[in-house]
Protein backbone atom coordinates (compact mmCIF):
# COMPACT_ATOMS: atom_id res chain seq x y z
CA UNK A 1 -16.83 -25.78 -4.11
CA UNK A 2 -16.30 -24.69 -0.65
CA UNK A 3 -18.25 -25.52 2.68
CA UNK A 4 -20.56 -23.09 4.20
CA UNK A 5 -17.85 -22.22 7.28
CA UNK A 6 -15.43 -21.63 4.44
CA UNK A 7 -17.48 -19.38 2.48
CA UNK A 8 -18.21 -17.44 5.89
CA UNK A 9 -14.93 -17.78 7.08
CA UNK A 10 -13.52 -15.65 4.05
CA UNK A 11 -15.93 -13.24 3.73
CA UNK A 12 -14.37 -12.77 8.03
CA UNK A 13 -11.29 -13.02 5.66
CA UNK A 14 -12.46 -10.51 3.27
CA UNK A 15 -14.27 -8.16 5.36
CA UNK A 16 -11.54 -7.28 7.66
CA UNK A 17 -8.45 -7.02 5.42
CA UNK A 18 -10.25 -4.94 2.32
CA UNK A 19 -10.51 -1.11 4.87
CA UNK A 20 -6.15 -2.50 5.44
CA UNK A 21 -5.80 -3.05 1.45
CA UNK A 22 -7.36 0.10 0.72
CA UNK A 23 -5.67 2.18 2.93
CA UNK A 24 -2.61 1.25 0.97
CA UNK A 25 -3.17 1.66 -2.51
CA UNK A 26 -4.60 4.95 -1.23
CA UNK A 27 -1.60 5.78 -0.05
CA UNK A 28 0.96 4.43 -2.84
CA UNK A 29 -1.99 6.52 -5.32
CA UNK A 30 -1.32 9.34 -3.43
CA UNK A 31 2.08 9.17 -3.47
CA UNK A 32 2.07 8.43 -7.58
CA UNK A 33 0.17 11.77 -8.74
CA UNK A 34 2.55 14.10 -6.26
CA UNK A 35 5.43 12.10 -8.11
CA UNK A 36 3.99 12.92 -11.72
CA UNK A 37 2.21 16.24 -11.35
CA UNK A 38 5.83 17.24 -9.53
CA UNK A 39 5.09 18.05 -6.30
CA UNK A 40 8.20 17.09 -4.74
CA UNK A 41 6.88 18.24 -0.84
CA UNK A 42 3.96 16.57 -1.13
CA UNK A 43 5.07 12.75 -2.59
CA UNK A 44 7.69 13.76 1.08
CA UNK A 45 5.24 13.49 3.11
CA UNK A 46 2.98 10.93 1.71
CA UNK A 47 5.20 8.66 1.78
CA UNK A 48 5.45 8.20 4.95
CA UNK A 49 1.91 6.97 5.03
CA UNK A 50 2.23 4.80 2.42
CA UNK A 51 5.07 3.87 4.04
CA UNK A 52 3.24 3.52 7.32
CA UNK A 53 0.29 1.44 5.72
CA UNK A 54 2.26 -1.12 3.33
CA UNK A 55 4.23 -1.68 6.54
CA UNK A 56 0.73 -2.31 8.97
CA UNK A 57 -0.61 -3.88 5.76
CA UNK A 58 2.43 -6.44 5.60
CA UNK A 59 1.68 -6.58 9.46
CA UNK A 60 -1.17 -7.63 9.81
CA UNK A 61 -1.12 -10.93 6.85
CA UNK A 62 -3.08 -8.38 4.63
CA UNK A 63 -0.53 -8.36 2.20
CA UNK A 64 2.75 -10.45 2.10
CA UNK A 65 5.93 -9.09 3.52
CA UNK A 66 8.18 -9.14 -0.12
CA UNK A 67 5.70 -7.54 -1.39
CA UNK A 68 4.81 -4.27 0.80
CA UNK A 69 9.12 -4.43 0.23
CA UNK A 70 8.68 -4.01 -3.35
CA UNK A 71 5.80 -1.73 -3.18
CA UNK A 72 8.41 0.77 -1.15
CA UNK A 73 10.90 -0.01 -3.06
CA UNK A 74 9.63 0.64 -6.38
CA UNK A 75 8.07 3.84 -4.45
CA UNK A 76 10.93 5.29 -2.75
CA UNK A 77 12.81 5.14 -6.77
CA UNK A 78 10.54 7.37 -8.03
CA UNK A 79 10.26 9.83 -5.66
CA UNK A 80 14.45 9.75 -6.31
CA UNK A 81 14.13 9.99 -9.28
CA UNK A 82 11.93 12.40 -10.06
CA UNK A 83 13.97 14.41 -7.20
CA UNK A 84 17.17 13.42 -8.87
CA UNK A 85 15.91 15.39 -12.38
């Protein structure tokens, strides 16, 4: 059972990190939707904001930097695969 102070710190951290994490997830989802629908122009513009959001989240420590890199890589691979088809 956590002490009262560590519980308060956890609540504070969650409140600070949640918007950053949500922004990154939203950008990733939008990019994936553009790729699946075949709108590669929209996906191109959205992937830049997704990469930026992931970098920002990793810089703030919301997600691990390797996790951010992996997600960026997978998004880029999906976009490149869609372009090739």
